[in-house]
């Protein structure tokens, strides 16, 4: 089932929450607190993760660059 591994589409209840293609995953809906039972939020700009660089999807989309 190659296609299922390359392009899964995670749903939460009935809403499309993310789309994955290769190493990239785009979240169109999120649960900001991380709890399964938390209310859903829909960011105005989708969150995009490179799963090879951030496999646990932990990089905060609202983070700011570190000062050097």
Foldseek 3Di string as FASTA:
>chain_A
DVVCVQWPFDDLPHHGQWTHHHQKIWGQKDQVVPDSPGDIDGDPGIDMDRCVVVVPPPDDPPDDDDDD
